PDB file of all heavy atoms in Angstrom:
ATOM      1  N   SER A   1      88.481 116.380 120.274  1.00  0.00           N
ATOM      2  CA  SER A   1      88.087 117.024 121.561  1.00  0.00           C
ATOM      3  C   SER A   1      87.630 118.473 121.416  1.00  0.00           C
ATOM      4  O   SER A   1      86.895 119.028 122.250  1.00  0.00           O
ATOM      5  CB  SER A   1      89.240 116.963 122.590  1.00  0.00           C
ATOM      6  OG  SER A   1      90.320 117.795 122.166  1.00  0.00           O
ATOM      7  N   ILE A   2      88.009 119.090 120.373  1.00  0.00           N
ATOM      8  CA  ILE A   2      87.637 120.473 120.081  1.00  0.00           C
ATOM      9  C   ILE A   2      86.164 120.507 119.591  1.00  0.00           C
ATOM     10  O   ILE A   2      85.458 121.538 119.728  1.00  0.00           O
ATOM     11  CB  ILE A   2      88.551 121.096 118.974  1.00  0.00           C
ATOM     12  CG1 ILE A   2      90.020 121.115 119.502  1.00  0.00           C
ATOM     13  CG2 ILE A   2      88.149 122.481 118.557  1.00  0.00           C
ATOM     14  CD1 ILE A   2      91.012 121.543 118.430  1.00  0.00           C
ATOM     15  N   LEU A   3      85.667 119.463 119.068  1.00  0.00           N
ATOM     16  CA  LEU A   3      84.365 119.421 118.422  1.00  0.00           C
ATOM     17  C   LEU A   3      83.288 119.120 119.473  1.00  0.00           C
ATOM     18  O   LEU A   3      83.522 118.562 120.535  1.00  0.00           O
ATOM     19  CB  LEU A   3      84.357 118.289 117.381  1.00  0.00           C
ATOM     20  CG  LEU A   3      85.247 118.511 116.216  1.00  0.00           C
ATOM     21  CD1 LEU A   3      85.387 117.235 115.396  1.00  0.00           C
ATOM     22  CD2 LEU A   3      84.789 119.688 115.336  1.00  0.00           C
ATOM     23  N   PRO A   4      82.063 119.586 119.183  1.00  0.00           N
ATOM     24  CA  PRO A   4      80.957 119.244 120.092  1.00  0.00           C
ATOM     25  C   PRO A   4      80.651 117.750 120.140  1.00  0.00           C
ATOM     26  O   PRO A   4      81.115 116.979 119.250  1.00  0.00           O
ATOM     27  CB  PRO A   4      79.741 120.063 119.511  1.00  0.00           C
ATOM     28  CG  PRO A   4      80.105 120.211 118.045  1.00  0.00           C
ATOM     29  CD  PRO A   4      81.578 120.356 118.017  1.00  0.00           C
ATOM     30  N   GLU A   5      79.870 117.379 121.121  1.00  0.00           N
ATOM     31  CA  GLU A   5      79.629 115.901 121.284  1.00  0.00           C
ATOM     32  C   GLU A   5      78.709 115.367 120.209  1.00  0.00           C
ATOM     33  O   GLU A   5      78.592 114.148 120.030  1.00  0.00           O
ATOM     34  CB  GLU A   5      79.039 115.648 122.657  1.00  0.00           C
ATOM     35  CG  GLU A   5      80.003 115.793 123.784  1.00  0.00           C
ATOM     36  CD  GLU A   5      81.223 114.859 123.532  1.00  0.00           C
ATOM     37  OE1 GLU A   5      80.999 113.632 123.379  1.00  0.00           O
ATOM     38  OE2 GLU A   5      82.374 115.321 123.503  1.00  0.00           O
ATOM     39  N   ARG A   6      78.030 116.287 119.509  1.00  0.00           N
ATOM     40  CA  ARG A   6      77.065 115.812 118.417  1.00  0.00           C
ATOM     41  C   ARG A   6      77.452 116.488 117.132  1.00  0.00           C
ATOM     42  O   ARG A   6      77.574 117.702 117.001  1.00  0.00           O
ATOM     43  CB  ARG A   6      75.631 116.263 118.809  1.00  0.00           C
ATOM     44  CG  ARG A   6      74.533 115.711 117.878  1.00  0.00           C
ATOM     45  CD  ARG A   6      73.209 116.384 118.090  1.00  0.00           C
ATOM     46  NE  ARG A   6      73.100 117.669 117.417  1.00  0.00           N
ATOM     47  CZ  ARG A   6      73.005 118.838 118.055  1.00  0.00           C
ATOM     48  NH1 ARG A   6      72.958 118.910 119.387  1.00  0.00           N
ATOM     49  NH2 ARG A   6      72.918 119.937 117.397  1.00  0.00           N
ATOM     50  N   ILE A   7      77.696 115.667 116.084  1.00  0.00           N
ATOM     51  CA  ILE A   7      78.026 116.188 114.781  1.00  0.00           C
ATOM     52  C   ILE A   7      76.819 115.776 113.879  1.00  0.00           C
ATOM     53  O   ILE A   7      76.512 114.561 113.670  1.00  0.00           O
ATOM     54  CB  ILE A   7      79.270 115.621 114.172  1.00  0.00           C
ATOM     55  CG1 ILE A   7      80.484 116.113 115.037  1.00  0.00           C
ATOM     56  CG2 ILE A   7      79.439 116.058 112.747  1.00  0.00           C
ATOM     57  CD1 ILE A   7      80.733 117.574 114.943  1.00  0.00           C
ATOM     58  N   ASP A   8      76.128 116.705 113.254  1.00  0.00           N
ATOM     59  CA  ASP A   8      74.892 116.476 112.480  1.00  0.00           C
ATOM     60  C   ASP A   8      75.193 116.455 110.998  1.00  0.00           C
ATOM     61  O   ASP A   8      74.438 115.828 110.242  1.00  0.00           O
ATOM     62  CB  ASP A   8      73.861 117.540 112.741  1.00  0.00           C
ATOM     63  CG  ASP A   8      73.478 117.677 114.205  1.00  0.00           C
ATOM     64  OD1 ASP A   8      72.972 116.696 114.786  1.00  0.00           O
ATOM     65  OD2 ASP A   8      73.755 118.732 114.788  1.00  0.00           O
ATOM     66  N   GLY A   9      76.281 117.108 110.609  1.00  0.00           N
ATOM     67  CA  GLY A   9      76.669 117.143 109.196  1.00  0.00           C
ATOM     68  C   GLY A   9      78.147 117.099 109.023  1.00  0.00           C
ATOM     69  O   GLY A   9      78.892 117.623 109.844  1.00  0.00           O
ATOM     70  N   PHE A  10      78.559 116.359 107.988  1.00  0.00           N
ATOM     71  CA  PHE A  10      80.011 116.216 107.732  1.00  0.00           C
ATOM     72  C   PHE A  10      80.232 116.288 106.257  1.00  0.00           C
ATOM     73  O   PHE A  10      79.566 115.592 105.470  1.00  0.00           O
ATOM     74  CB  PHE A  10      80.488 114.871 108.249  1.00  0.00           C
ATOM     75  CG  PHE A  10      81.893 114.511 107.832  1.00  0.00           C
ATOM     76  CD1 PHE A  10      83.010 114.981 108.545  1.00  0.00           C
ATOM     77  CD2 PHE A  10      82.093 113.680 106.763  1.00  0.00           C
ATOM     78  CE1 PHE A  10      84.246 114.631 108.208  1.00  0.00           C
ATOM     79  CE2 PHE A  10      83.383 113.387 106.378  1.00  0.00           C
ATOM     80  CZ  PHE A  10      84.493 113.840 107.088  1.00  0.00           C
ATOM     81  N   VAL A  11      81.219 117.104 105.816  1.00  0.00           N
ATOM     82  CA  VAL A  11      81.560 117.188 104.427  1.00  0.00           C
ATOM     83  C   VAL A  11      83.129 117.058 104.282  1.00  0.00           C
ATOM     84  O   VAL A  11      83.873 117.800 104.891  1.00  0.00           O
ATOM     85  CB  VAL A  11      81.128 118.535 103.823  1.00  0.00           C
ATOM     86  CG1 VAL A  11      81.386 118.576 102.263  1.00  0.00           C
ATOM     87  CG2 VAL A  11      79.678 118.854 104.109  1.00  0.00           C
ATOM     88  N   TYR A  12      83.525 116.149 103.395  1.00  0.00           N
ATOM     89  CA  TYR A  12      84.983 115.957 103.164  1.00  0.00           C
ATOM     90  C   TYR A  12      85.332 116.535 101.867  1.00  0.00           C
ATOM     91  O   TYR A  12      84.894 115.962 100.759  1.00  0.00           O
ATOM     92  CB  TYR A  12      85.355 114.455 103.229  1.00  0.00           C
ATOM     93  CG  TYR A  12      86.794 114.204 103.093  1.00  0.00           C
ATOM     94  CD1 TYR A  12      87.641 114.327 104.194  1.00  0.00           C
ATOM     95  CD2 TYR A  12      87.350 113.792 101.863  1.00  0.00           C
ATOM     96  CE1 TYR A  12      89.011 114.056 104.065  1.00  0.00           C
ATOM     97  CE2 TYR A  12      88.757 113.560 101.757  1.00  0.00           C
ATOM     98  CZ  TYR A  12      89.534 113.663 102.812  1.00  0.00           C
ATOM     99  OH  TYR A  12      90.881 113.412 102.675  1.00  0.00           O
ATOM    100  N   CYS A  13      86.082 117.604 101.842  1.00  0.00           N
ATOM    101  CA  CYS A  13      86.398 118.321 100.574  1.00  0.00           C
ATOM    102  C   CYS A  13      87.777 118.042  99.918  1.00  0.00           C
ATOM    103  O   CYS A  13      87.932 118.279  98.731  1.00  0.00           O
ATOM    104  CB  CYS A  13      86.294 119.824 100.822  1.00  0.00           C
ATOM    105  SG  CYS A  13      84.631 120.363 101.314  1.00  0.00           S
ATOM    106  N   PRO A  14      88.798 117.609 100.673  1.00  0.00           N
ATOM    107  CA  PRO A  14      90.101 117.453 100.103  1.00  0.00           C
ATOM    108  C   PRO A  14      90.081 116.486  98.924  1.00  0.00           C
ATOM    109  O   PRO A  14      89.294 115.516  98.886  1.00  0.00           O
ATOM    110  CB  PRO A  14      90.979 116.860 101.235  1.00  0.00           C
ATOM    111  CG  PRO A  14      90.307 117.376 102.471  1.00  0.00           C
ATOM    112  CD  PRO A  14      88.800 117.353 102.131  1.00  0.00           C
ATOM    113  N   GLY A  15      90.909 116.793  97.911  1.00  0.00           N
ATOM    114  CA  GLY A  15      90.936 115.960  96.747  1.00  0.00           C
ATOM    115  C   GLY A  15      92.122 116.317  95.890  1.00  0.00           C
ATOM    116  O   GLY A  15      92.952 117.196  96.216  1.00  0.00           O
ATOM    117  N   SER A  16      92.206 115.687  94.705  1.00  0.00           N
ATOM    118  CA  SER A  16      93.310 115.917  93.801  1.00  0.00           C
ATOM    119  C   SER A  16      92.787 115.901  92.349  1.00  0.00           C
ATOM    120  O   SER A  16      91.765 115.308  92.063  1.00  0.00           O
ATOM    121  CB  SER A  16      94.435 114.909  93.995  1.00  0.00           C
ATOM    122  OG  SER A  16      93.949 113.619  93.863  1.00  0.00           O
ATOM    123  N   ILE A  17      93.496 116.553  91.459  1.00  0.00           N
ATOM    124  CA  ILE A  17      93.225 116.389  90.015  1.00  0.00           C
ATOM    125  C   ILE A  17      94.544 116.022  89.358  1.00  0.00           C
ATOM    126  O   ILE A  17      95.312 116.915  88.924  1.00  0.00           O
ATOM    127  CB  ILE A  17      92.623 117.698  89.396  1.00  0.00           C
ATOM    128  CG1 ILE A  17      91.386 118.093  90.158  1.00  0.00           C
ATOM    129  CG2 ILE A  17      92.353 117.482  87.917  1.00  0.00           C
ATOM    130  CD1 ILE A  17      90.716 119.384  89.621  1.00  0.00           C
ATOM    131  N   ASN A  18      94.843 114.761  89.304  1.00  0.00           N
ATOM    132  CA  ASN A  18      96.119 114.291  88.810  1.00  0.00           C
ATOM    133  C   ASN A  18      95.877 113.637  87.420  1.00  0.00           C
ATOM    134  O   ASN A  18      95.656 112.425  87.358  1.00  0.00           O
ATOM    135  CB  ASN A  18      96.693 113.235  89.813  1.00  0.00           C
ATOM    136  CG  ASN A  18      98.103 112.903  89.443  1.00  0.00           C
ATOM    137  OD1 ASN A  18      98.776 113.520  88.594  1.00  0.00           O
ATOM    138  ND2 ASN A  18      98.603 111.842  90.059  1.00  0.00           N
ATOM    139  N   LEU A  19      95.855 114.430  86.371  1.00  0.00           N
ATOM    140  CA  LEU A  19      95.542 113.952  85.053  1.00  0.00           C
ATOM    141  C   LEU A  19      96.763 113.762  84.223  1.00  0.00           C
ATOM    142  O   LEU A  19      97.387 114.715  83.797  1.00  0.00           O
ATOM    143  CB  LEU A  19      94.531 114.934  84.382  1.00  0.00           C
ATOM    144  CG  LEU A  19      93.337 115.359  85.128  1.00  0.00           C
ATOM    145  CD1 LEU A  19      92.415 116.295  84.308  1.00  0.00           C
ATOM    146  CD2 LEU A  19      92.590 114.198  85.681  1.00  0.00           C
ATOM    147  N   LYS A  20      97.103 112.503  84.017  1.00  0.00           N
ATOM    148  CA  LYS A  20      98.269 112.136  83.142  1.00  0.00           C
ATOM    149  C   LYS A  20      97.988 110.839  82.479  1.00  0.00           C
ATOM    150  O   LYS A  20      97.174 110.048  82.917  1.00  0.00           O
ATOM    151  CB  LYS A  20      99.446 112.042  84.008  1.00  0.00           C
ATOM    152  CG  LYS A  20     100.020 113.259  84.702  1.00  0.00           C
ATOM    153  CD  LYS A  20     101.236 112.970  85.610  1.00  0.00           C
ATOM    154  CE  LYS A  20     101.697 114.228  86.280  1.00  0.00           C
ATOM    155  NZ  LYS A  20     102.898 113.881  87.196  1.00  0.00           N
ATOM    156  N   PRO A  21      98.686 110.594  81.351  1.00  0.00           N
ATOM    157  CA  PRO A  21      98.536 109.254  80.715  1.00  0.00           C
ATOM    158  C   PRO A  21      98.967 108.152  81.658  1.00  0.00           C
ATOM    159  O   PRO A  21      99.813 108.371  82.502  1.00  0.00           O
ATOM    160  CB  PRO A  21      99.514 109.332  79.553  1.00  0.00           C
ATOM    161  CG  PRO A  21      99.728 110.791  79.284  1.00  0.00           C
ATOM    162  CD  PRO A  21      99.582 111.485  80.585  1.00  0.00           C
ATOM    163  N   PHE A  22      98.309 107.052  81.636  1.00  0.00           N
ATOM    164  CA  PHE A  22      98.608 105.945  82.565  1.00  0.00           C
ATOM    165  C   PHE A  22     100.137 105.610  82.536  1.00  0.00           C
ATOM    166  O   PHE A  22     100.651 105.323  83.641  1.00  0.00           O
ATOM    167  CB  PHE A  22      97.774 104.722  82.215  1.00  0.00           C
ATOM    168  CG  PHE A  22      98.068 103.505  82.971  1.00  0.00           C
ATOM    169  CD1 PHE A  22      97.739 103.419  84.341  1.00  0.00           C
ATOM    170  CD2 PHE A  22      98.741 102.391  82.408  1.00  0.00           C
ATOM    171  CE1 PHE A  22      97.998 102.306  85.097  1.00  0.00           C
ATOM    172  CE2 PHE A  22      99.034 101.304  83.203  1.00  0.00           C
ATOM    173  CZ  PHE A  22      98.650 101.237  84.516  1.00  0.00           C
ATOM    174  N   LYS A  23     100.725 105.594  81.396  1.00  0.00           N
ATOM    175  CA  LYS A  23     102.153 105.244  81.354  1.00  0.00           C
ATOM    176  C   LYS A  23     103.075 106.173  82.102  1.00  0.00           C
ATOM    177  O   LYS A  23     104.205 105.859  82.454  1.00  0.00           O
ATOM    178  CB  LYS A  23     102.582 105.156  79.855  1.00  0.00           C
ATOM    179  CG  LYS A  23     102.607 106.469  79.132  1.00  0.00           C
ATOM    180  CD  LYS A  23     103.009 106.278  77.692  1.00  0.00           C
ATOM    181  CE  LYS A  23     103.060 107.624  76.952  1.00  0.00           C
ATOM    182  NZ  LYS A  23     103.359 107.389  75.503  1.00  0.00           N
ATOM    183  N   MET A  24     102.531 107.382  82.432  1.00  0.00           N
ATOM    184  CA  MET A  24     103.299 108.388  83.165  1.00  0.00           C
ATOM    185  C   MET A  24     102.959 108.384  84.667  1.00  0.00           C
ATOM    186  O   MET A  24     103.509 109.208  85.440  1.00  0.00           O
ATOM    187  CB  MET A  24     103.127 109.785  82.585  1.00  0.00           C
ATOM    188  CG  MET A  24     103.672 109.883  81.188  1.00  0.00           C
ATOM    189  SD  MET A  24     103.328 111.558  80.460  1.00  0.00           S
ATOM    190  CE  MET A  24     104.204 112.659  81.536  1.00  0.00           C
ATOM    191  N   LEU A  25     102.048 107.517  85.051  1.00  0.00           N
ATOM    192  CA  LEU A  25     101.634 107.429  86.503  1.00  0.00           C
ATOM    193  C   LEU A  25     102.283 106.185  87.108  1.00  0.00           C
ATOM    194  O   LEU A  25     101.807 105.075  86.754  1.00  0.00           O
ATOM    195  CB  LEU A  25     100.111 107.431  86.580  1.00  0.00           C
ATOM    196  CG  LEU A  25      99.396 108.721  86.245  1.00  0.00           C
ATOM    197  CD1 LEU A  25      97.924 108.420  86.006  1.00  0.00           C
ATOM    198  CD2 LEU A  25      99.535 109.743  87.356  1.00  0.00           C
ATOM    199  N   ASN A  26     103.197 106.394  88.001  1.00  0.00           N
ATOM    200  CA  ASN A  26     103.720 105.191  88.656  1.00  0.00           C
ATOM    201  C   ASN A  26     102.805 104.769  89.862  1.00  0.00           C
ATOM    202  O   ASN A  26     101.908 105.503  90.225  1.00  0.00           O
ATOM    203  CB  ASN A  26     105.132 105.445  89.167  1.00  0.00           C
ATOM    204  CG  ASN A  26     105.229 106.654  90.136  1.00  0.00           C
ATOM    205  OD1 ASN A  26     104.343 106.891  90.893  1.00  0.00           O
ATOM    206  ND2 ASN A  26     106.382 107.314  90.108  1.00  0.00           N
ATOM    207  N   PRO A  27     103.005 103.572  90.429  1.00  0.00           N
ATOM    208  CA  PRO A  27     102.128 103.165  91.506  1.00  0.00           C
ATOM    209  C   PRO A  27     102.065 104.144  92.689  1.00  0.00           C
ATOM    210  O   PRO A  27     101.058 104.279  93.352  1.00  0.00           O
ATOM    211  CB  PRO A  27     102.755 101.844  91.887  1.00  0.00           C
ATOM    212  CG  PRO A  27     103.310 101.333  90.651  1.00  0.00           C
ATOM    213  CD  PRO A  27     103.923 102.536  89.960  1.00  0.00           C
ATOM    214  N   LYS A  28     103.147 104.842  92.895  1.00  0.00           N
ATOM    215  CA  LYS A  28     103.195 105.825  94.028  1.00  0.00           C
ATOM    216  C   LYS A  28     102.118 106.938  93.838  1.00  0.00           C
ATOM    217  O   LYS A  28     101.508 107.394  94.736  1.00  0.00           O
ATOM    218  CB  LYS A  28     104.578 106.439  94.141  1.00  0.00           C
ATOM    219  CG  LYS A  28     104.749 107.475  95.238  1.00  0.00           C
ATOM    220  CD  LYS A  28     104.569 106.904  96.632  1.00  0.00           C
ATOM    221  CE  LYS A  28     105.047 107.836  97.748  1.00  0.00           C
ATOM    222  NZ  LYS A  28     104.506 109.207  97.703  1.00  0.00           N
ATOM    223  N   ALA A  29     101.958 107.357  92.569  1.00  0.00           N
ATOM    224  CA  ALA A  29     100.952 108.375  92.259  1.00  0.00           C
ATOM    225  C   ALA A  29      99.524 107.907  92.627  1.00  0.00           C
ATOM    226  O   ALA A  29      98.688 108.649  93.155  1.00  0.00           O
ATOM    227  CB  ALA A  29     101.073 108.751  90.779  1.00  0.00           C
ATOM    228  N   PHE A  30      99.300 106.605  92.259  1.00  0.00           N
ATOM    229  CA  PHE A  30      98.006 106.001  92.647  1.00  0.00           C
ATOM    230  C   PHE A  30      97.815 106.001  94.103  1.00  0.00           C
ATOM    231  O   PHE A  30      96.729 106.282  94.634  1.00  0.00           O
ATOM    232  CB  PHE A  30      97.880 104.652  91.999  1.00  0.00           C
ATOM    233  CG  PHE A  30      97.477 104.584  90.592  1.00  0.00           C
ATOM    234  CD1 PHE A  30      98.435 104.872  89.584  1.00  0.00           C
ATOM    235  CD2 PHE A  30      96.165 104.361  90.212  1.00  0.00           C
ATOM    236  CE1 PHE A  30      98.044 104.876  88.224  1.00  0.00           C
ATOM    237  CE2 PHE A  30      95.796 104.252  88.908  1.00  0.00           C
ATOM    238  CZ  PHE A  30      96.734 104.576  87.858  1.00  0.00           C
TER     239      PHE A  30
END
């Protein structure tokens, strides 16, 4: 509701850099 009725451009920036050996990544990390 805070935004205007027309959105012409959208960029999604959130992310992560979770670099570990597979054996150290449990399913919750995925």
